[in-house]
N, C-alpha and C. Protein backbone atom coordinates (compact mmCIF):
# COMPACT_ATOMS: atom_id res chain seq x y z
N MET A 1 102.64 77.45 88.55
CA MET A 1 103.92 78.09 88.49
C MET A 1 105.14 78.11 87.00
N ASN A 2 105.24 78.97 86.81
CA ASN A 2 106.54 79.51 86.01
C ASN A 2 107.48 78.74 85.81
N ARG A 3 107.51 77.99 84.82
CA ARG A 3 109.19 77.28 84.67
C ARG A 3 109.58 77.41 83.74
N SER A 4 109.59 78.81 82.66
CA SER A 4 110.90 79.99 82.61
C SER A 4 111.98 79.95 83.51
N THR A 5 113.28 79.89 82.77
CA THR A 5 114.53 80.11 83.75
C THR A 5 114.64 81.59 84.85
N PRO A 6 114.40 81.64 86.11
CA PRO A 6 114.13 83.05 86.18
C PRO A 6 115.57 83.74 86.76
N PRO A 7 115.05 85.02 87.06
CA PRO A 7 116.60 86.20 86.30
C PRO A 7 117.80 85.57 87.14
N ILE A 8 117.71 85.34 88.48
CA ILE A 8 119.12 84.60 89.09
C ILE A 8 119.65 84.01 88.63
N VAL A 9 118.45 82.16 88.00
CA VAL A 9 119.49 81.41 87.78
C VAL A 9 120.14 81.77 86.43
N LEU A 10 119.29 82.06 85.57
CA LEU A 10 120.42 82.66 84.30
C LEU A 10 121.31 83.51 84.47
N ASN A 11 121.64 84.39 84.86
CA ASN A 11 122.89 85.58 85.61
C ASN A 11 123.22 84.69 85.90
N LEU A 12 123.27 83.85 87.17
CA LEU A 12 124.01 82.72 87.30
C LEU A 12 124.95 81.96 86.54
N ILE A 13 124.00 81.45 85.04
CA ILE A 13 124.43 80.61 84.19
C ILE A 13 125.44 81.51 83.74
N ILE A 14 125.33 82.27 83.42
CA ILE A 14 125.98 83.22 82.36
C ILE A 14 127.65 83.43 83.16
N ILE A 15 127.53 84.14 84.12
CA ILE A 15 128.59 84.38 84.70
C ILE A 15 129.36 83.01 85.11
N ASN A 16 128.92 82.06 85.14
CA ASN A 16 129.46 80.31 85.14
C ASN A 16 130.30 80.54 83.98
N ILE A 17 129.68 80.62 83.34
CA ILE A 17 129.73 79.98 81.43
C ILE A 17 131.05 80.93 80.95
N LEU A 18 131.35 82.66 81.64
CA LEU A 18 131.90 83.53 80.90
C LEU A 18 133.07 83.42 81.86
N PHE A 19 133.15 82.63 83.03
CA PHE A 19 134.41 82.81 83.94
C PHE A 19 135.50 81.91 83.17
N PHE A 20 134.71 80.48 82.58
CA PHE A 20 134.38 79.01 82.19
C PHE A 20 136.19 79.29 80.88
N PHE A 21 135.12 80.20 80.14
CA PHE A 21 136.13 80.57 78.80
C PHE A 21 136.86 81.18 79.35
N ALA A 22 137.44 82.33 80.08
CA ALA A 22 138.30 82.76 81.30
C ALA A 22 139.09 81.80 80.70
N GLU A 23 139.43 80.78 81.96
CA GLU A 23 140.26 80.09 81.81
C GLU A 23 140.99 79.26 81.25
N LEU A 24 140.20 79.53 80.01
CA LEU A 24 140.32 78.57 79.26
C LEU A 24 141.10 79.77 78.04
N LEU A 25 140.85 80.42 78.04
CA LEU A 25 141.38 81.53 76.95
C LEU A 25 142.58 82.13 77.48
N LEU A 26 142.16 82.82 78.94
CA LEU A 26 143.91 82.90 79.33
C LEU A 26 144.25 82.51 80.74
N GLY A 27 143.47 81.09 80.77
CA GLY A 27 144.32 80.63 82.39
C GLY A 27 145.61 80.10 82.12
N GLY A 28 146.22 80.23 80.36
CA GLY A 28 147.27 79.15 80.27
C GLY A 28 147.72 80.51 79.63
N SER A 29 148.06 81.12 79.65
CA SER A 29 148.96 82.63 79.08
C SER A 29 149.84 83.10 79.89
N GLY A 30 150.03 83.26 80.71
CA GLY A 30 150.90 83.67 81.45
C GLY A 30 150.05 84.98 81.94
N GLY A 31 150.66 85.80 82.53
CA GLY A 31 151.26 87.22 83.24
C GLY A 31 149.55 87.56 84.33
N PHE A 32 149.59 88.64 84.52
CA PHE A 32 148.23 89.06 85.04
C PHE A 32 147.44 88.51 85.71
N VAL A 33 146.41 88.21 84.52
CA VAL A 33 145.07 87.48 84.56
C VAL A 33 145.26 85.91 84.54
N ALA A 34 145.94 85.59 83.69
CA ALA A 34 146.46 84.33 84.61
C ALA A 34 146.32 84.06 85.93
N GLU A 35 146.89 84.88 86.83
CA GLU A 35 147.21 84.69 88.16
C GLU A 35 145.94 84.57 89.08
N LEU A 36 145.36 85.80 88.07
CA LEU A 36 144.25 86.18 88.37
C LEU A 36 143.41 85.29 89.37
N ILE A 37 143.27 84.56 87.61
CA ILE A 37 142.05 83.61 87.42
C ILE A 37 142.64 82.56 88.59
N ALA A 38 143.98 82.11 88.31
CA ALA A 38 144.43 81.01 89.85
C ALA A 38 143.88 81.43 90.91
N ASN A 39 144.17 82.61 90.99
CA ASN A 39 144.17 82.91 93.02
C ASN A 39 142.22 82.81 92.82
N LEU A 40 142.13 82.45 92.17
CA LEU A 40 140.21 82.20 92.44
C LEU A 40 139.78 81.42 92.99
N THR A 41 140.69 79.85 92.87
CA THR A 41 140.45 78.97 93.34
C THR A 41 140.36 78.77 95.33
N LEU A 42 139.79 77.83 95.19
CA LEU A 42 139.82 77.38 96.95
C LEU A 42 141.26 77.20 97.48
N PHE A 43 141.78 77.73 98.31
CA PHE A 43 142.96 77.02 98.72
C PHE A 43 142.68 76.67 99.98
N PRO A 44 143.63 75.77 100.25
CA PRO A 44 143.28 75.21 102.09
C PRO A 44 144.22 76.60 102.49
N ILE A 45 143.61 76.35 103.86
CA ILE A 45 144.73 78.24 104.67
C ILE A 45 145.84 77.96 104.75
N GLU A 46 146.55 76.47 105.43
CA GLU A 46 147.55 76.20 105.15
C GLU A 46 148.96 76.13 103.94
N SER A 47 148.05 76.43 103.03
CA SER A 47 149.06 76.63 101.58
C SER A 47 149.71 77.89 101.67
N GLY A 48 148.82 78.66 102.36
CA GLY A 48 149.79 79.88 102.16
C GLY A 48 149.30 80.57 101.15
N PHE A 49 148.22 80.65 100.32
CA PHE A 49 147.90 80.39 98.57
C PHE A 49 145.63 81.19 98.93
N PHE A 50 145.95 80.38 100.25
CA PHE A 50 144.09 81.23 100.80
C PHE A 50 143.91 82.51 101.19
N GLN A 51 143.18 83.27 100.55
CA GLN A 51 142.08 84.72 100.84
C GLN A 51 141.18 84.13 100.80
N PRO A 52 140.64 85.41 101.87
CA PRO A 52 138.67 85.26 102.18
C PRO A 52 138.03 84.92 100.65
N TYR A 53 138.60 85.32 100.19
CA TYR A 53 137.63 86.13 99.40
C TYR A 53 137.06 84.51 98.00
N GLN A 54 137.93 83.71 98.35
CA GLN A 54 138.31 82.48 97.81
C GLN A 54 137.01 81.89 97.89
N LEU A 55 136.13 82.02 99.06
CA LEU A 55 135.22 81.29 99.67
C LEU A 55 133.96 82.06 98.56
N ILE A 56 133.88 82.74 98.14
CA ILE A 56 132.71 83.19 96.89
C ILE A 56 133.48 83.04 95.03
N SER A 57 134.65 83.51 95.55
CA SER A 57 135.18 83.00 93.70
C SER A 57 135.38 81.57 93.13
N TYR A 58 135.84 80.54 94.69
CA TYR A 58 135.86 79.18 93.98
C TYR A 58 134.55 78.90 92.92
N MET A 59 133.13 79.28 93.51
CA MET A 59 132.25 78.48 93.17
C MET A 59 132.04 79.13 91.78
N PHE A 60 132.76 80.19 91.10
CA PHE A 60 132.67 80.47 89.70
C PHE A 60 134.02 79.31 88.77
N LEU A 61 134.36 78.78 89.73
CA LEU A 61 135.64 78.43 88.48
C LEU A 61 134.98 76.96 88.35
N HIS A 62 135.62 76.15 86.79
CA HIS A 62 135.37 75.09 87.23
C HIS A 62 136.63 73.99 86.34
N ALA A 63 136.67 72.35 86.74
CA ALA A 63 137.64 71.47 86.88
C ALA A 63 137.43 71.47 85.04
N GLY A 64 136.39 71.45 84.22
CA GLY A 64 136.33 70.86 82.16
C GLY A 64 135.05 71.56 82.73
N PHE A 65 134.55 71.10 81.02
CA PHE A 65 133.13 71.32 80.42
C PHE A 65 132.66 70.09 81.32
N SER A 66 132.81 69.28 81.36
CA SER A 66 131.92 68.02 81.77
C SER A 66 131.29 69.19 83.44
N HIS A 67 132.61 69.07 84.59
CA HIS A 67 131.93 69.37 85.42
C HIS A 67 131.11 70.82 85.23
N LEU A 68 131.63 71.55 84.47
CA LEU A 68 130.94 73.03 84.23
C LEU A 68 129.33 73.06 83.88
N LEU A 69 129.51 71.67 82.76
CA LEU A 69 127.80 70.68 82.10
C LEU A 69 127.18 70.43 83.78
N LEU A 70 127.78 69.65 84.18
CA LEU A 70 126.62 69.13 84.92
C LEU A 70 126.02 70.03 86.02
N ASN A 71 127.07 71.23 86.80
CA ASN A 71 126.34 71.84 87.61
C ASN A 71 125.77 73.09 87.06
N MET A 72 126.20 73.56 85.72
CA MET A 72 124.63 74.10 85.60
C MET A 72 123.17 73.43 85.23
N PHE A 73 123.56 71.95 85.05
CA PHE A 73 122.04 71.61 84.78
C PHE A 73 121.58 72.09 85.50
N GLY A 74 122.48 71.20 87.10
CA GLY A 74 121.66 70.73 88.03
C GLY A 74 121.15 72.67 88.74
N LEU A 75 121.50 73.07 88.29
CA LEU A 75 121.86 74.87 88.86
C LEU A 75 120.35 75.60 87.76
N TRP A 76 120.36 74.94 86.81
CA TRP A 76 118.63 75.22 85.35
C TRP A 76 117.34 74.49 86.04
N MET A 77 118.22 72.86 86.48
CA MET A 77 117.28 72.55 86.81
C MET A 77 116.56 72.73 87.87
N PHE A 78 116.95 72.35 88.88
CA PHE A 78 116.47 72.86 90.81
C PHE A 78 116.26 74.15 90.91
N GLY A 79 117.62 74.56 90.28
CA GLY A 79 117.61 76.55 90.82
C GLY A 79 116.17 77.07 90.42
N SER A 80 116.09 76.88 88.97
CA SER A 80 115.18 77.17 88.42
C SER A 80 113.58 77.54 89.39
N LEU A 81 113.28 76.16 89.33
CA LEU A 81 112.13 75.68 90.01
C LEU A 81 111.62 77.04 91.58
N MET A 82 113.25 76.04 92.53
CA MET A 82 113.27 77.42 93.62
C MET A 82 112.70 79.03 94.22
N GLU A 83 113.75 78.97 92.68
CA GLU A 83 113.72 80.72 92.70
C GLU A 83 112.35 81.35 92.37
N ASN A 84 112.28 80.46 91.43
CA ASN A 84 110.46 81.08 90.87
C ASN A 84 109.59 80.06 91.97
N LEU A 85 109.64 80.02 92.94
CA LEU A 85 109.11 79.47 94.21
C LEU A 85 109.44 80.91 95.08
N TRP A 86 110.60 80.92 95.15
CA TRP A 86 110.73 81.88 96.61
C TRP A 86 111.03 83.00 96.32
N GLY A 87 111.39 83.18 94.73
CA GLY A 87 111.67 84.56 94.48
C GLY A 87 112.86 84.76 94.67
N PRO A 88 113.33 85.97 93.47
CA PRO A 88 115.58 86.19 93.36
C PRO A 88 115.56 86.40 94.68
N LYS A 89 115.87 87.27 95.36
CA LYS A 89 116.01 88.01 96.79
C LYS A 89 116.58 86.50 97.54
N ARG A 90 115.43 85.82 98.11
CA ARG A 90 115.21 84.63 99.07
C ARG A 90 116.02 83.15 98.37
N PHE A 91 116.03 83.57 96.60
CA PHE A 91 116.56 82.58 96.62
C PHE A 91 118.36 82.78 96.44
N LEU A 92 118.84 84.24 95.97
CA LEU A 92 120.62 83.95 95.21
C LEU A 92 120.34 84.20 97.35
N ILE A 93 120.54 84.12 98.17
CA ILE A 93 120.36 84.11 99.66
C ILE A 93 120.76 83.12 99.98
N PHE A 94 120.16 82.16 99.47
CA PHE A 94 120.02 80.65 100.12
C PHE A 94 121.02 80.12 98.93
N TYR A 95 121.43 80.64 98.23
CA TYR A 95 122.28 79.59 97.27
C TYR A 95 123.59 80.12 97.47
N VAL A 96 123.82 81.64 98.07
CA VAL A 96 125.27 81.85 98.29
C VAL A 96 125.44 81.52 99.83
N VAL A 97 124.90 82.06 100.46
CA VAL A 97 124.97 80.62 101.63
C VAL A 97 125.56 79.14 101.62
N CYS A 98 124.67 78.87 100.78
CA CYS A 98 125.14 77.18 101.04
C CYS A 98 126.52 77.15 100.36
N GLY A 99 126.96 78.16 99.13
CA GLY A 99 128.08 78.46 98.32
C GLY A 99 129.61 78.10 99.16
N LEU A 100 129.52 79.33 100.37
CA LEU A 100 129.90 79.30 101.58
C LEU A 100 129.97 78.48 102.28
N ALA A 101 129.41 77.70 102.94
CA ALA A 101 128.85 76.64 103.91
C ALA A 101 130.09 75.57 103.61
N ALA A 102 129.73 75.34 102.13
CA ALA A 102 130.22 74.33 101.53
C ALA A 102 131.93 74.73 100.81
N GLY A 103 132.54 76.06 101.34
CA GLY A 103 133.72 76.29 101.07
C GLY A 103 134.14 75.80 102.44
N ILE A 104 133.73 76.41 103.65
CA ILE A 104 134.04 76.32 105.10
C ILE A 104 134.38 74.60 105.26
N ALA A 105 133.17 73.91 105.23
CA ALA A 105 133.44 72.75 104.83
C ALA A 105 135.13 72.02 104.08
N GLN A 106 134.77 72.18 103.32
CA GLN A 106 135.88 72.19 102.52
C GLN A 106 137.42 72.09 103.00
N LEU A 107 137.15 73.70 103.43
CA LEU A 107 138.36 74.20 104.47
C LEU A 107 139.23 73.48 105.43
N LEU A 108 137.92 72.72 106.64
CA LEU A 108 138.02 72.16 107.50
C LEU A 108 138.29 70.75 107.50
N LEU A 109 137.32 70.07 106.18
CA LEU A 109 137.66 68.89 106.35
C LEU A 109 138.13 68.04 104.89
N GLY A 110 138.48 69.02 103.90
CA GLY A 110 139.15 68.70 102.51
C GLY A 110 140.26 69.00 103.03
N ASN A 111 140.77 68.30 101.63
CA ASN A 111 142.11 67.60 101.45
C ASN A 111 142.89 68.67 99.86
N GLY A 112 142.05 69.77 99.76
CA GLY A 112 142.89 69.90 98.87
C GLY A 112 142.32 71.41 98.24
N PRO A 113 143.03 72.10 97.26
CA PRO A 113 142.28 73.19 96.19
C PRO A 113 140.71 72.63 95.85
N ALA A 114 140.15 73.37 96.01
CA ALA A 114 138.78 73.21 95.21
C ALA A 114 138.05 74.48 94.04
N VAL A 115 137.43 73.81 93.52
CA VAL A 115 136.45 74.39 92.54
C VAL A 115 135.14 74.07 92.29
N GLY A 116 134.21 75.16 91.78
CA GLY A 116 133.02 74.55 91.22
C GLY A 116 131.72 75.24 92.04
N ALA A 117 130.51 74.97 91.75
CA ALA A 117 129.12 75.46 92.39
C ALA A 117 128.38 74.58 92.81
N SER A 118 129.45 72.87 92.78
CA SER A 118 128.69 71.93 93.02
C SER A 118 127.94 71.87 95.14
N GLY A 119 128.82 72.54 95.95
CA GLY A 119 128.39 72.69 96.58
C GLY A 119 127.02 73.82 96.75
N ALA A 120 126.93 74.63 96.34
CA ALA A 120 126.01 75.55 96.52
C ALA A 120 124.44 74.76 95.44
N ILE A 121 124.86 74.04 94.48
CA ILE A 121 123.57 73.48 93.73
C ILE A 121 123.24 72.04 94.86
N MET A 122 124.49 71.64 95.63
CA MET A 122 124.04 70.30 96.61
C MET A 122 122.52 71.34 97.26
N GLY A 123 123.04 72.27 98.55
CA GLY A 123 122.26 72.98 99.12
C GLY A 123 120.47 73.15 98.65
N LEU A 124 120.65 73.22 96.42
CA LEU A 124 119.06 73.37 96.08
C LEU A 124 118.70 72.06 96.10
N LEU A 125 119.26 70.70 95.71
CA LEU A 125 118.73 69.77 95.63
C LEU A 125 118.14 69.04 96.46
N VAL A 126 118.64 69.44 97.91
CA VAL A 126 118.28 69.19 99.52
C VAL A 126 116.84 69.62 99.11
N ALA A 127 117.37 70.85 99.08
CA ALA A 127 115.65 71.83 98.78
C ALA A 127 114.73 71.76 98.16
N TYR A 128 115.14 71.22 97.23
CA TYR A 128 114.26 70.41 96.13
C TYR A 128 113.58 68.94 96.94
N GLY A 129 114.35 68.66 97.18
CA GLY A 129 114.34 66.70 97.66
C GLY A 129 112.65 66.77 99.22
N TYR A 130 113.52 68.33 99.83
CA TYR A 130 112.55 68.65 101.52
C TYR A 130 111.44 69.16 100.52
N THR A 131 111.17 69.74 99.60
CA THR A 131 109.95 70.31 99.45
C THR A 131 109.25 69.78 97.98
N PHE A 132 109.33 68.30 97.07
CA PHE A 132 109.13 67.91 96.62
C PHE A 132 109.56 67.10 96.84
N PRO A 133 109.25 66.01 97.61
CA PRO A 133 109.92 64.78 98.07
C PRO A 133 109.52 63.69 97.43
N ASN A 134 108.23 63.53 97.01
CA ASN A 134 107.88 62.49 95.74
C ASN A 134 107.44 62.60 94.15
N THR A 135 108.20 64.21 93.86
CA THR A 135 108.34 64.14 92.81
C THR A 135 109.16 63.14 91.79
N GLN A 136 109.26 62.29 91.04
CA GLN A 136 110.13 61.23 90.27
C GLN A 136 110.81 62.08 89.48
N LEU A 137 111.87 61.68 89.55
CA LEU A 137 113.35 62.05 88.87
C LEU A 137 114.09 60.50 88.38
N PHE A 138 114.88 60.95 87.27
CA PHE A 138 115.31 60.09 86.16
C PHE A 138 116.93 60.31 86.92
N VAL A 139 118.02 59.47 87.55
CA VAL A 139 118.81 59.38 88.30
C VAL A 139 119.66 58.16 87.74
N PHE A 140 120.49 59.21 86.46
CA PHE A 140 122.57 58.31 85.93
C PHE A 140 122.76 57.60 86.47
N PRO A 141 123.13 56.22 86.56
CA PRO A 141 122.45 55.17 85.62
C PRO A 141 121.17 54.47 85.69
N ILE A 142 120.35 54.79 86.91
CA ILE A 142 119.18 54.30 87.09
C ILE A 142 117.62 53.80 86.59
N PRO A 143 117.70 52.85 85.44
CA PRO A 143 117.09 53.42 84.82
C PRO A 143 115.39 53.06 84.34
N PHE A 144 115.19 54.17 85.81
CA PHE A 144 113.20 53.90 86.35
C PHE A 144 113.28 54.64 86.66
N PRO A 145 112.86 55.55 87.53
CA PRO A 145 112.05 57.20 88.00
C PRO A 145 111.98 57.27 89.51
N ILE A 146 112.93 57.56 89.87
CA ILE A 146 112.44 56.95 91.52
C ILE A 146 111.97 58.78 92.32
N LYS A 147 111.84 58.89 93.42
CA LYS A 147 111.17 59.91 93.81
C LYS A 147 112.40 60.60 94.33
N ALA A 148 112.46 62.27 94.51
CA ALA A 148 113.25 63.17 94.83
C ALA A 148 113.75 62.63 95.49
N LYS A 149 112.99 62.70 97.27
CA LYS A 149 113.65 62.27 98.97
C LYS A 149 114.85 61.07 98.12
N TRP A 150 114.63 59.69 97.90
CA TRP A 150 115.28 58.93 97.58
C TRP A 150 116.63 59.24 97.01
N ALA A 151 116.23 59.74 96.07
CA ALA A 151 117.82 60.36 95.11
C ALA A 151 118.83 60.75 95.85
N VAL A 152 118.63 61.96 97.28
CA VAL A 152 118.83 62.92 97.45
C VAL A 152 119.57 62.15 98.59
N ILE A 153 118.83 61.21 99.17
CA ILE A 153 119.00 60.05 100.45
C ILE A 153 120.99 59.71 99.46
N GLY A 154 120.60 59.15 98.41
CA GLY A 154 121.32 58.05 98.03
C GLY A 154 122.68 59.09 97.42
N ILE A 155 122.73 60.55 96.76
CA ILE A 155 124.03 61.56 96.56
C ILE A 155 124.12 61.26 97.68
N LEU A 156 123.66 61.88 98.88
CA LEU A 156 123.96 62.13 100.15
C LEU A 156 125.04 61.24 100.88
N ALA A 157 124.78 60.02 99.99
CA ALA A 157 125.66 58.85 100.97
C ALA A 157 126.56 58.47 100.10
N LEU A 158 126.27 58.84 98.80
CA LEU A 158 127.82 58.21 98.09
C LEU A 158 128.88 59.52 98.36
N ASP A 159 128.05 60.77 98.76
CA ASP A 159 129.22 61.25 99.01
C ASP A 159 129.80 61.33 100.40
N ILE A 160 129.11 60.73 101.41
CA ILE A 160 129.50 60.55 103.04
C ILE A 160 130.61 59.42 102.81
N PHE A 161 130.31 58.80 102.03
CA PHE A 161 131.90 57.22 101.35
C PHE A 161 132.58 57.44 100.70
N GLY A 162 132.41 59.01 99.60
CA GLY A 162 133.95 59.22 99.25
C GLY A 162 134.37 59.96 100.25
N GLY A 163 133.77 60.80 100.92
CA GLY A 163 134.98 62.17 102.01
C GLY A 163 135.20 61.13 102.76
N LEU A 164 134.33 60.00 102.99
CA LEU A 164 135.40 58.98 104.48
C LEU A 164 136.30 58.06 103.95
N SER A 165 135.84 57.64 102.52
CA SER A 165 137.16 56.57 102.42
C SER A 165 138.13 57.54 101.52
N ASN A 166 138.64 58.38 101.07
CA ASN A 166 139.76 59.65 101.19
C ASN A 166 140.69 59.02 100.22
N SER A 167 140.04 58.65 99.20
CA SER A 167 140.96 58.01 98.36
C SER A 167 141.85 59.29 96.97
N PRO A 168 142.95 58.75 97.07
CA PRO A 168 143.90 59.54 96.73
C PRO A 168 143.78 59.73 94.75
N ALA A 169 142.96 58.55 94.49
CA ALA A 169 142.30 59.34 92.80
C ALA A 169 140.92 59.90 93.07
N ASP A 170 140.71 60.18 93.97
CA ASP A 170 139.35 60.91 94.06
C ASP A 170 139.30 62.88 94.38
N ASN A 171 139.05 63.22 93.08
CA ASN A 171 139.91 64.56 92.93
C ASN A 171 138.12 65.61 93.08
N ILE A 172 137.23 64.87 94.15
CA ILE A 172 135.52 65.18 94.30
C ILE A 172 135.77 65.81 95.35
N ALA A 173 135.40 67.74 95.46
CA ALA A 173 135.21 67.94 97.49
C ALA A 173 133.85 67.11 97.66
N HIS A 174 133.90 66.11 98.43
CA HIS A 174 132.59 65.46 99.38
C HIS A 174 132.66 66.37 100.12
N PHE A 175 132.88 66.96 100.90
CA PHE A 175 132.90 67.35 101.75
C PHE A 175 131.98 68.89 101.67
N ALA A 176 132.55 69.10 100.75
CA ALA A 176 132.47 70.59 100.39
C ALA A 176 130.39 70.34 100.11
N HIS A 177 130.30 69.05 99.07
CA HIS A 177 129.07 69.04 99.09
C HIS A 177 128.10 68.43 100.05
N LEU A 178 129.28 67.71 100.85
CA LEU A 178 127.83 67.79 102.28
C LEU A 178 127.61 69.24 102.89
N GLY A 179 128.48 70.18 103.16
CA GLY A 179 128.68 71.19 103.56
C GLY A 179 127.07 71.72 103.19
N GLY A 180 127.37 71.69 102.14
CA GLY A 180 126.28 72.75 101.36
C GLY A 180 124.83 72.49 101.59
N ALA A 181 124.97 71.06 101.42
CA ALA A 181 123.55 70.25 101.70
C ALA A 181 123.11 70.27 102.93
N VAL A 182 123.92 70.31 104.38
CA VAL A 182 123.36 70.69 105.79
C VAL A 182 123.23 71.77 105.44
N ILE A 183 123.48 73.04 105.22
CA ILE A 183 123.29 73.80 105.67
C ILE A 183 121.74 74.45 104.97
N GLY A 184 121.60 73.79 103.86
CA GLY A 184 120.55 73.91 102.88
C GLY A 184 119.18 73.35 103.08
N PHE A 185 119.96 72.53 104.38
CA PHE A 185 119.20 71.46 104.52
C PHE A 185 118.19 72.30 106.20
N ILE A 186 119.25 72.82 106.64
CA ILE A 186 118.80 74.15 107.84
C ILE A 186 117.81 74.08 107.11
N ILE A 187 118.93 75.78 106.46
CA ILE A 187 117.37 76.68 105.60
C ILE A 187 115.81 76.44 105.28
N VAL A 188 116.05 75.79 105.12
CA VAL A 188 114.86 75.38 104.22
C VAL A 188 114.29 74.48 105.16
N LEU A 189 114.54 74.01 106.47
CA LEU A 189 113.55 73.42 107.57
C LEU A 189 113.36 74.67 108.62
N TYR A 190 113.69 75.54 107.97
CA TYR A 190 114.08 77.19 109.41
C TYR A 190 112.81 77.30 108.50
N TRP A 191 112.89 78.12 107.82
CA TRP A 191 111.99 78.57 106.69
C TRP A 191 110.71 78.25 106.69
N ASN A 192 110.68 76.22 106.43
CA ASN A 192 109.11 75.85 106.61
C ASN A 192 109.06 75.87 107.26
N ARG A 193 109.57 76.00 108.82
CA ARG A 193 108.31 76.51 109.89
C ARG A 193 107.90 78.20 110.04
N THR A 194 108.88 79.11 109.91
CA THR A 194 108.92 79.92 110.22
C THR A 194 107.69 80.96 108.96
N ASP A 195 107.54 80.58 107.63
CA ASP A 195 107.01 80.76 107.19
C ASP A 195 105.58 80.52 105.97
N ARG A 196 105.15 79.11 107.35
CA ARG A 196 103.98 78.00 105.86
C ARG A 196 102.96 78.80 104.90
N GLN A 197 102.79 80.24 105.29
CA GLN A 197 101.61 79.82 104.26
C GLN A 197 102.45 80.89 102.93
N ARG A 198 103.90 81.24 103.23
CA ARG A 198 104.55 81.71 101.51
C ARG A 198 104.98 80.14 101.29
N PHE A 199 105.33 79.12 101.88
CA PHE A 199 106.06 78.18 101.50
C PHE A 199 105.02 76.80 100.82
N TYR A 200 106.16 75.92 100.11
CA TYR A 200 105.02 75.25 99.26
C TYR A 200 104.73 74.22 100.52
């Protein structure tokens, strides 16, 4: 299998980086552009600021460099493998649908505005864990490799706990993560059952 960075993943990373620099350079400058960037955040429906396009646009904004770096690393690491396996069209459909599902879950179950590609990437992580369950992964801070299937289960368990605990100090959109993960699992399970000859 080709391990180079495939075109959809590469372009998604570039777009996310461009959006991040636009946030840094223009987000605090005032005026129309700053307002436009602010309006790309996914706001709760009851806030009065929600617009349907935010279900797409929120995936390209990030709340800091570490947020961007972690998400883009996950997109590159897991997305590259899945795009090389599925092809660009199927990969893009999967990514967008997982991101939409994550946004809808945030609107229904979350309690605040949301930004970031984490929900779509959680869908990719679940797809990777389902497709390559016994691949060994290093997950910080665990000092030894664990199988992908256990890593995915552990990460999902942390999101379930974080979402249910509803700590005021926690600014992670746990339900968005879970929404992307659930839809990602449903899609990859369906594809596996209906297209076995092409599925890994």
